[in-house]
Amino acid sequence: MLPETYGADFLADAICHMLDECGVGLVNVLAGSYGSAIGYEIARRYPGRVGRGPGRHAEIRDADHMLILERTAETADLITRFLAGKPLDGLPYRRSIERVAPAVRLAPSPER
């Protein structure tokens, strides 16, 4: 377990370090639940290594945190469509889609 002082930035750096050690360059980033913050941080900190990345938030109808275990067919279809660049519109199991963007970090103001 990590100390609470380690946040999504540390975990994003750790994942990218692991990818470097494995010789993996460009990756598609798909994240859910608490991993979403890490996925957005990877896209923000390492935009050049993200092929398809966080930018859409999709909800499946009548789903909760057990989605991956209870709704495997819908989850697999949604992931496959995302990774293949196929449209997510009109899916009978989908509730909503939102386009989102990571927050832009502003440069620190110069000290006076």
C-alpha atoms as a PDB file:
ATOM      1  CA  MET A   1       0.000   0.000   0.000  1.00  0.00           C
ATOM      2  CA  LEU A   2       1.317   3.432  -0.924  1.00  0.00           C
ATOM      3  CA  PRO A   3       1.408   6.303   1.542  1.00  0.00           C
ATOM      4  CA  GLU A   4      -1.337   8.830   0.892  1.00  0.00           C
ATOM      5  CA  THR A   5       1.271  11.404  -0.199  1.00  0.00           C
ATOM      6  CA  TYR A   6       1.688   9.455  -3.441  1.00  0.00           C
ATOM      7  CA  GLY A   7      -0.973  10.546  -5.896  1.00  0.00           C
ATOM      8  CA  ALA A   8      -2.019   9.984  -9.487  1.00  0.00           C
ATOM      9  CA  ASP A   9       1.105  11.799 -10.725  1.00  0.00           C
ATOM     10  CA  PHE A  10       3.405   9.302  -8.976  1.00  0.00           C
ATOM     11  CA  LEU A  11       1.384   6.341 -10.284  1.00  0.00           C
ATOM     12  CA  ALA A  12       1.353   7.746 -13.832  1.00  0.00           C
ATOM     13  CA  ASP A  13       5.134   8.144 -13.690  1.00  0.00           C
ATOM     14  CA  ALA A  14       5.500   4.597 -12.303  1.00  0.00           C
ATOM     15  CA  ILE A  15       3.372   3.132 -15.110  1.00  0.00           C
ATOM     16  CA  CYS A  16       5.337   5.005 -17.781  1.00  0.00           C
ATOM     17  CA  HIS A  17       8.607   3.897 -16.183  1.00  0.00           C
ATOM     18  CA  MET A  18       7.387   0.289 -16.351  1.00  0.00           C
ATOM     19  CA  LEU A  19       6.430   0.767 -20.008  1.00  0.00           C
ATOM     20  CA  ASP A  20       9.913   2.157 -20.709  1.00  0.00           C
ATOM     21  CA  GLU A  21      11.532  -0.813 -18.977  1.00  0.00           C
ATOM     22  CA  CYS A  22       9.417  -3.169 -21.122  1.00  0.00           C
ATOM     23  CA  GLY A  23      10.273  -1.289 -24.327  1.00  0.00           C
ATOM     24  CA  VAL A  24       6.688  -0.189 -24.942  1.00  0.00           C
ATOM     25  CA  GLY A  25       6.258   3.160 -26.711  1.00  0.00           C
ATOM     26  CA  LEU A  26       2.834   4.316 -27.850  1.00  0.00           C
ATOM     27  CA  VAL A  27      -0.096   2.977 -25.796  1.00  0.00           C
ATOM     28  CA  ASN A  28      -3.867   3.249 -25.714  1.00  0.00           C
ATOM     29  CA  VAL A  29      -5.068   4.363 -22.286  1.00  0.00           C
ATOM     30  CA  LEU A  30      -8.367   3.004 -21.037  1.00  0.00           C
ATOM     31  CA  ALA A  31      -9.210   3.560 -17.390  1.00  0.00           C
ATOM     32  CA  GLY A  32     -12.162   3.245 -15.083  1.00  0.00           C
ATOM     33  CA  SER A  33     -13.189   4.229 -11.597  1.00  0.00           C
ATOM     34  CA  TYR A  34     -10.176   5.308  -9.517  1.00  0.00           C
ATOM     35  CA  GLY A  35      -7.815   4.512 -12.385  1.00  0.00           C
ATOM     36  CA  SER A  36      -9.331   7.328 -14.433  1.00  0.00           C
ATOM     37  CA  ALA A  37      -7.276   9.929 -12.555  1.00  0.00           C
ATOM     38  CA  ILE A  38      -4.116   7.989 -13.391  1.00  0.00           C
ATOM     39  CA  GLY A  39      -5.168   7.642 -17.046  1.00  0.00           C
ATOM     40  CA  TYR A  40      -5.756  11.392 -17.333  1.00  0.00           C
ATOM     41  CA  GLU A  41      -2.422  12.067 -15.648  1.00  0.00           C
ATOM     42  CA  ILE A  42      -0.602   9.822 -18.147  1.00  0.00           C
ATOM     43  CA  ALA A  43      -2.269  11.688 -21.031  1.00  0.00           C
ATOM     44  CA  ARG A  44      -1.408  15.061 -19.510  1.00  0.00           C
ATOM     45  CA  ARG A  45       2.186  14.271 -18.532  1.00  0.00           C
ATOM     46  CA  TYR A  46       3.107  12.037 -21.497  1.00  0.00           C
ATOM     47  CA  PRO A  47       0.895  13.083 -24.436  1.00  0.00           C
ATOM     48  CA  GLY A  48       3.370  11.798 -27.014  1.00  0.00           C
ATOM     49  CA  ARG A  49       3.049   8.209 -25.888  1.00  0.00           C
ATOM     50  CA  VAL A  50      -0.768   8.052 -25.878  1.00  0.00           C
ATOM     51  CA  GLY A  51      -2.465   6.724 -29.023  1.00  0.00           C
ATOM     52  CA  ARG A  52      -6.061   6.698 -27.893  1.00  0.00           C
ATOM     53  CA  GLY A  53      -6.531   8.124 -24.481  1.00  0.00           C
ATOM     54  CA  PRO A  54      -8.913   9.473 -21.928  1.00  0.00           C
ATOM     55  CA  GLY A  55     -11.234  11.979 -23.474  1.00  0.00           C
ATOM     56  CA  ARG A  56     -14.625  10.344 -23.258  1.00  0.00           C
ATOM     57  CA  HIS A  57     -16.646   9.274 -20.282  1.00  0.00           C
ATOM     58  CA  ALA A  58     -19.129   6.509 -21.089  1.00  0.00           C
ATOM     59  CA  GLU A  59     -21.859   5.166 -18.842  1.00  0.00           C
ATOM     60  CA  ILE A  60     -23.628   1.846 -19.215  1.00  0.00           C
ATOM     61  CA  ARG A  61     -27.290   1.774 -18.192  1.00  0.00           C
ATOM     62  CA  ASP A  62     -28.143   0.348 -14.773  1.00  0.00           C
ATOM     63  CA  ALA A  63     -24.499  -0.352 -13.918  1.00  0.00           C
ATOM     64  CA  ASP A  64     -22.520   0.068 -10.720  1.00  0.00           C
ATOM     65  CA  HIS A  65     -18.956  -0.591  -9.539  1.00  0.00           C
ATOM     66  CA  MET A  66     -19.368  -4.318 -10.349  1.00  0.00           C
ATOM     67  CA  LEU A  67     -19.853  -3.505 -14.038  1.00  0.00           C
ATOM     68  CA  ILE A  68     -16.828  -5.443 -15.291  1.00  0.00           C
ATOM     69  CA  LEU A  69     -17.910  -8.591 -13.429  1.00  0.00           C
ATOM     70  CA  GLU A  70     -21.654  -8.370 -14.028  1.00  0.00           C
ATOM     71  CA  ARG A  71     -21.874  -6.904 -17.548  1.00  0.00           C
ATOM     72  CA  THR A  72     -18.925  -8.461 -19.340  1.00  0.00           C
ATOM     73  CA  ALA A  73     -20.452  -8.501 -22.833  1.00  0.00           C
ATOM     74  CA  GLU A  74     -21.328  -4.786 -22.800  1.00  0.00           C
ATOM     75  CA  THR A  75     -18.021  -3.853 -21.191  1.00  0.00           C
ATOM     76  CA  ALA A  76     -16.025  -5.865 -23.753  1.00  0.00           C
ATOM     77  CA  ASP A  77     -18.006  -4.349 -26.636  1.00  0.00           C
ATOM     78  CA  LEU A  78     -17.472  -0.806 -25.341  1.00  0.00           C
ATOM     79  CA  ILE A  79     -13.734  -1.368 -24.852  1.00  0.00           C
ATOM     80  CA  THR A  80     -13.365  -2.982 -28.281  1.00  0.00           C
ATOM     81  CA  ARG A  81     -15.192  -0.093 -29.956  1.00  0.00           C
ATOM     82  CA  PHE A  82     -13.055   2.451 -28.103  1.00  0.00           C
ATOM     83  CA  LEU A  83      -9.769   0.785 -29.038  1.00  0.00           C
ATOM     84  CA  ALA A  84     -10.843   0.289 -32.666  1.00  0.00           C
ATOM     85  CA  GLY A  85     -11.994   3.899 -33.031  1.00  0.00           C
ATOM     86  CA  LYS A  86     -15.580   2.852 -33.771  1.00  0.00           C
ATOM     87  CA  PRO A  87     -18.500   5.139 -32.880  1.00  0.00           C
ATOM     88  CA  LEU A  88     -20.162   4.727 -29.496  1.00  0.00           C
ATOM     89  CA  ASP A  89     -23.437   6.328 -30.578  1.00  0.00           C
ATOM     90  CA  GLY A  90     -26.690   4.373 -30.595  1.00  0.00           C
ATOM     91  CA  LEU A  91     -25.586   1.466 -28.418  1.00  0.00           C
ATOM     92  CA  PRO A  92     -28.633  -0.013 -26.651  1.00  0.00           C
ATOM     93  CA  TYR A  93     -26.762  -0.496 -23.357  1.00  0.00           C
ATOM     94  CA  ARG A  94     -25.186   2.947 -23.275  1.00  0.00           C
ATOM     95  CA  ARG A  95     -26.675   5.673 -21.099  1.00  0.00           C
ATOM     96  CA  SER A  96     -24.487   8.677 -21.838  1.00  0.00           C
ATOM     97  CA  ILE A  97     -21.222   9.771 -23.403  1.00  0.00           C
ATOM     98  CA  GLU A  98     -19.380  12.916 -22.392  1.00  0.00           C
ATOM     99  CA  ARG A  99     -16.285  14.397 -23.946  1.00  0.00           C
ATOM    100  CA  VAL A 100     -13.892  15.461 -21.241  1.00  0.00           C
ATOM    101  CA  ALA A 101     -10.403  16.925 -21.206  1.00  0.00           C
ATOM    102  CA  PRO A 102      -7.762  16.895 -18.494  1.00  0.00           C
ATOM    103  CA  ALA A 103      -7.287  20.152 -16.661  1.00  0.00           C
ATOM    104  CA  VAL A 104      -4.554  22.335 -18.022  1.00  0.00           C
ATOM    105  CA  ARG A 105      -1.783  23.029 -15.531  1.00  0.00           C
ATOM    106  CA  LEU A 106      -0.828  26.685 -15.575  1.00  0.00           C
ATOM    107  CA  ALA A 107       2.791  27.714 -15.317  1.00  0.00           C
ATOM    108  CA  PRO A 108       3.668  29.015 -11.870  1.00  0.00           C
ATOM    109  CA  SER A 109       3.671  32.777 -11.629  1.00  0.00           C
ATOM    110  CA  PRO A 110       7.103  34.361 -11.319  1.00  0.00           C
ATOM    111  CA  GLU A 111       8.055  35.416  -7.828  1.00  0.00           C
ATOM    112  CA  ARG A 112       8.290  39.137  -7.212  1.00  0.00           C
END
